[in-house]
Structures are given as C-alpha cells and as structure tokens.
Amino acid sequence: AKTLILSALPEETGEIESHLKNAKQIKIAGEIFQEGMIGNQSVVCGLSGIGKVNAALTTQALIDYFAPDMI
C-alpha cells in the first residue's frame, strides 16, 4: 500500500520527511517529491502549493504516477 501526503507549505511536511527511510527524490510535473518508507508503509510526500487549483493539479498528477491507496 502506498500513502500520498501533500501539503501547501514546507513546514507541514518537514517532520514527516525526516522520518522517511531509504528516501529518494522524484521529480514529477516540475516539482520534487520524497518517496520512502515509514515502518512497513510506502510514503510519498511533498508540496502541492497554495490554493485548491494547485492542490487538485498536483494530486491528480501524483495519482496518475503512483496510484496511491491513500491520500
């Protein structure tokens, strides 16, 4: 199972990213995302940017790329 965690501001994902094991950076739609493991859970986290349009566009791009089980 893969979990996608998005936020508008870097302060919101910094703590989560610090817990990722075997983290790697992935560039999608011009943005950098972190993919790694927290325990047995595969996690992708990153920034969508501020606003509902940015959130929708980024979320759809990541759904298409990763097919997450949870967002």
N, C-alpha and C. Protein backbone atom coordinates (compact mmCIF):
# COMPACT_ATOMS: atom_id res chain seq x y z
N ALA A 1 0.85 -1.19 0.00
CA ALA A 1 0.00 0.00 0.00
C ALA A 1 0.88 1.23 0.00
N LYS A 2 0.46 2.23 -0.73
CA LYS A 2 1.22 3.49 -0.81
C LYS A 2 0.34 4.63 -0.32
N THR A 3 0.93 5.48 0.51
CA THR A 3 0.25 6.65 1.05
C THR A 3 0.86 7.91 0.46
N LEU A 4 0.02 8.82 0.02
CA LEU A 4 0.44 10.11 -0.51
C LEU A 4 0.10 11.19 0.50
N ILE A 5 1.11 11.98 0.88
CA ILE A 5 0.90 13.07 1.84
C ILE A 5 1.30 14.37 1.16
N LEU A 6 0.35 15.27 0.99
CA LEU A 6 0.59 16.57 0.36
C LEU A 6 0.26 17.69 1.33
N SER A 7 0.99 18.77 1.20
CA SER A 7 0.68 19.96 1.97
C SER A 7 0.99 21.19 1.12
N ALA A 8 0.51 22.31 1.59
CA ALA A 8 0.71 23.56 0.86
C ALA A 8 2.05 24.21 1.22
N LEU A 9 2.52 24.01 2.44
CA LEU A 9 3.71 24.70 2.94
C LEU A 9 4.78 23.71 3.39
N PRO A 10 6.06 24.04 3.20
CA PRO A 10 7.14 23.12 3.59
C PRO A 10 7.14 22.77 5.07
N GLU A 11 6.72 23.67 5.91
CA GLU A 11 6.71 23.41 7.35
C GLU A 11 5.79 22.25 7.71
N GLU A 12 4.83 21.98 6.86
CA GLU A 12 3.84 20.94 7.15
C GLU A 12 4.35 19.53 6.84
N THR A 13 5.31 19.39 5.94
CA THR A 13 5.81 18.05 5.60
C THR A 13 7.21 17.78 6.12
N GLY A 14 7.88 18.77 6.64
CA GLY A 14 9.27 18.62 7.09
C GLY A 14 9.45 17.51 8.10
N GLU A 15 8.59 17.43 9.09
CA GLU A 15 8.71 16.40 10.12
C GLU A 15 8.47 15.01 9.55
N ILE A 16 7.51 14.89 8.67
CA ILE A 16 7.23 13.58 8.05
C ILE A 16 8.42 13.14 7.21
N GLU A 17 8.95 14.05 6.40
CA GLU A 17 10.08 13.70 5.54
C GLU A 17 11.29 13.28 6.35
N SER A 18 11.47 13.83 7.54
CA SER A 18 12.61 13.47 8.38
C SER A 18 12.53 12.02 8.87
N HIS A 19 11.35 11.41 8.82
CA HIS A 19 11.17 10.02 9.27
C HIS A 19 11.24 9.01 8.12
N LEU A 20 11.36 9.48 6.89
CA LEU A 20 11.41 8.55 5.74
C LEU A 20 12.74 7.79 5.73
N LYS A 21 12.66 6.49 5.56
CA LYS A 21 13.84 5.64 5.40
C LYS A 21 14.00 5.33 3.92
N ASN A 22 15.26 5.22 3.49
CA ASN A 22 15.58 4.94 2.08
C ASN A 22 14.90 5.95 1.16
N ALA A 23 14.90 7.21 1.57
CA ALA A 23 14.21 8.26 0.81
C ALA A 23 14.95 8.56 -0.49
N LYS A 24 14.16 8.81 -1.52
CA LYS A 24 14.71 9.28 -2.78
C LYS A 24 13.83 10.38 -3.32
N GLN A 25 14.45 11.28 -4.06
CA GLN A 25 13.72 12.38 -4.66
C GLN A 25 13.22 11.98 -6.04
N ILE A 26 12.00 12.39 -6.32
CA ILE A 26 11.40 12.13 -7.62
C ILE A 26 10.82 13.44 -8.14
N LYS A 27 11.11 13.77 -9.38
CA LYS A 27 10.58 15.00 -9.98
C LYS A 27 9.40 14.64 -10.87
N ILE A 28 8.25 15.22 -10.53
CA ILE A 28 7.02 14.99 -11.29
C ILE A 28 6.35 16.34 -11.51
N ALA A 29 5.95 16.61 -12.73
CA ALA A 29 5.25 17.85 -13.07
C ALA A 29 6.03 19.07 -12.59
N GLY A 30 7.36 19.00 -12.67
CA GLY A 30 8.20 20.13 -12.31
C GLY A 30 8.42 20.31 -10.82
N GLU A 31 7.90 19.43 -10.00
CA GLU A 31 8.06 19.52 -8.54
C GLU A 31 8.83 18.32 -8.02
N ILE A 32 9.51 18.51 -6.90
CA ILE A 32 10.29 17.44 -6.27
C ILE A 32 9.48 16.83 -5.13
N PHE A 33 9.39 15.51 -5.12
CA PHE A 33 8.68 14.78 -4.06
C PHE A 33 9.64 13.78 -3.44
N GLN A 34 9.39 13.43 -2.19
CA GLN A 34 10.19 12.45 -1.47
C GLN A 34 9.42 11.14 -1.39
N GLU A 35 10.07 10.05 -1.75
CA GLU A 35 9.46 8.73 -1.63
C GLU A 35 10.33 7.88 -0.73
N GLY A 36 9.71 7.20 0.22
CA GLY A 36 10.45 6.34 1.12
C GLY A 36 9.51 5.49 1.95
N MET A 37 10.04 4.95 3.02
CA MET A 37 9.27 4.07 3.90
C MET A 37 9.19 4.65 5.31
N ILE A 38 8.04 4.51 5.93
CA ILE A 38 7.86 4.77 7.35
C ILE A 38 7.29 3.47 7.91
N GLY A 39 8.12 2.73 8.63
CA GLY A 39 7.73 1.40 9.07
C GLY A 39 7.55 0.51 7.85
N ASN A 40 6.41 -0.15 7.75
CA ASN A 40 6.10 -1.01 6.60
C ASN A 40 5.33 -0.28 5.51
N GLN A 41 5.13 1.03 5.69
CA GLN A 41 4.29 1.81 4.78
C GLN A 41 5.13 2.59 3.78
N SER A 42 4.83 2.42 2.49
CA SER A 42 5.44 3.22 1.44
C SER A 42 4.76 4.58 1.42
N VAL A 43 5.57 5.65 1.45
CA VAL A 43 5.03 7.01 1.57
C VAL A 43 5.66 7.91 0.52
N VAL A 44 4.83 8.75 -0.08
CA VAL A 44 5.29 9.83 -0.95
C VAL A 44 4.79 11.12 -0.34
N CYS A 45 5.69 12.07 -0.13
CA CYS A 45 5.22 13.35 0.41
C CYS A 45 5.87 14.50 -0.34
N GLY A 46 5.17 15.62 -0.31
CA GLY A 46 5.66 16.79 -1.00
C GLY A 46 4.66 17.92 -0.95
N LEU A 47 4.96 18.94 -1.71
CA LEU A 47 4.16 20.17 -1.69
C LEU A 47 3.27 20.27 -2.91
N SER A 48 2.04 20.68 -2.66
CA SER A 48 1.12 20.94 -3.76
C SER A 48 1.11 22.42 -4.12
N GLY A 49 1.52 23.24 -3.18
CA GLY A 49 1.42 24.68 -3.36
C GLY A 49 0.12 25.17 -2.75
N ILE A 50 0.01 26.46 -2.65
CA ILE A 50 -1.15 27.08 -2.01
C ILE A 50 -2.29 27.18 -3.00
N GLY A 51 -3.49 26.85 -2.55
CA GLY A 51 -4.68 27.02 -3.36
C GLY A 51 -5.26 25.70 -3.84
N LYS A 52 -6.57 25.73 -4.04
CA LYS A 52 -7.25 24.48 -4.42
C LYS A 52 -6.91 24.02 -5.83
N VAL A 53 -6.61 24.93 -6.73
CA VAL A 53 -6.24 24.53 -8.09
C VAL A 53 -4.88 23.83 -8.07
N ASN A 54 -3.91 24.40 -7.36
CA ASN A 54 -2.60 23.73 -7.24
C ASN A 54 -2.74 22.38 -6.58
N ALA A 55 -3.54 22.30 -5.53
CA ALA A 55 -3.74 21.03 -4.83
C ALA A 55 -4.36 19.99 -5.77
N ALA A 56 -5.35 20.40 -6.54
CA ALA A 56 -6.03 19.46 -7.45
C ALA A 56 -5.09 18.98 -8.56
N LEU A 57 -4.35 19.89 -9.17
CA LEU A 57 -3.45 19.51 -10.26
C LEU A 57 -2.34 18.59 -9.78
N THR A 58 -1.73 18.92 -8.65
CA THR A 58 -0.65 18.11 -8.10
C THR A 58 -1.16 16.75 -7.67
N THR A 59 -2.30 16.72 -7.00
CA THR A 59 -2.87 15.45 -6.55
C THR A 59 -3.17 14.54 -7.73
N GLN A 60 -3.75 15.07 -8.78
CA GLN A 60 -4.07 14.24 -9.95
C GLN A 60 -2.80 13.71 -10.61
N ALA A 61 -1.78 14.55 -10.73
CA ALA A 61 -0.51 14.10 -11.33
C ALA A 61 0.09 12.96 -10.53
N LEU A 62 0.02 13.06 -9.20
CA LEU A 62 0.59 12.02 -8.35
C LEU A 62 -0.27 10.75 -8.34
N ILE A 63 -1.56 10.90 -8.45
CA ILE A 63 -2.44 9.73 -8.57
C ILE A 63 -2.09 8.98 -9.86
N ASP A 64 -1.93 9.71 -10.93
CA ASP A 64 -1.59 9.09 -12.21
C ASP A 64 -0.25 8.37 -12.15
N TYR A 65 0.73 8.97 -11.47
CA TYR A 65 2.08 8.42 -11.42
C TYR A 65 2.21 7.26 -10.43
N PHE A 66 1.68 7.43 -9.21
CA PHE A 66 1.89 6.45 -8.14
C PHE A 66 0.72 5.51 -7.88
N ALA A 67 -0.49 5.87 -8.27
CA ALA A 67 -1.68 5.09 -7.94
C ALA A 67 -1.73 4.77 -6.44
N PRO A 68 -1.74 5.80 -5.59
CA PRO A 68 -1.71 5.56 -4.14
C PRO A 68 -3.01 4.92 -3.63
N ASP A 69 -2.88 4.24 -2.49
CA ASP A 69 -4.04 3.65 -1.83
C ASP A 69 -4.73 4.65 -0.91
N MET A 70 -3.95 5.61 -0.42
CA MET A 70 -4.49 6.64 0.48
C MET A 70 -3.87 7.99 0.16
N ILE A 71 -4.64 9.05 0.35
CA ILE A 71 -4.13 10.41 0.16
C ILE A 71 -4.45 11.18 1.42
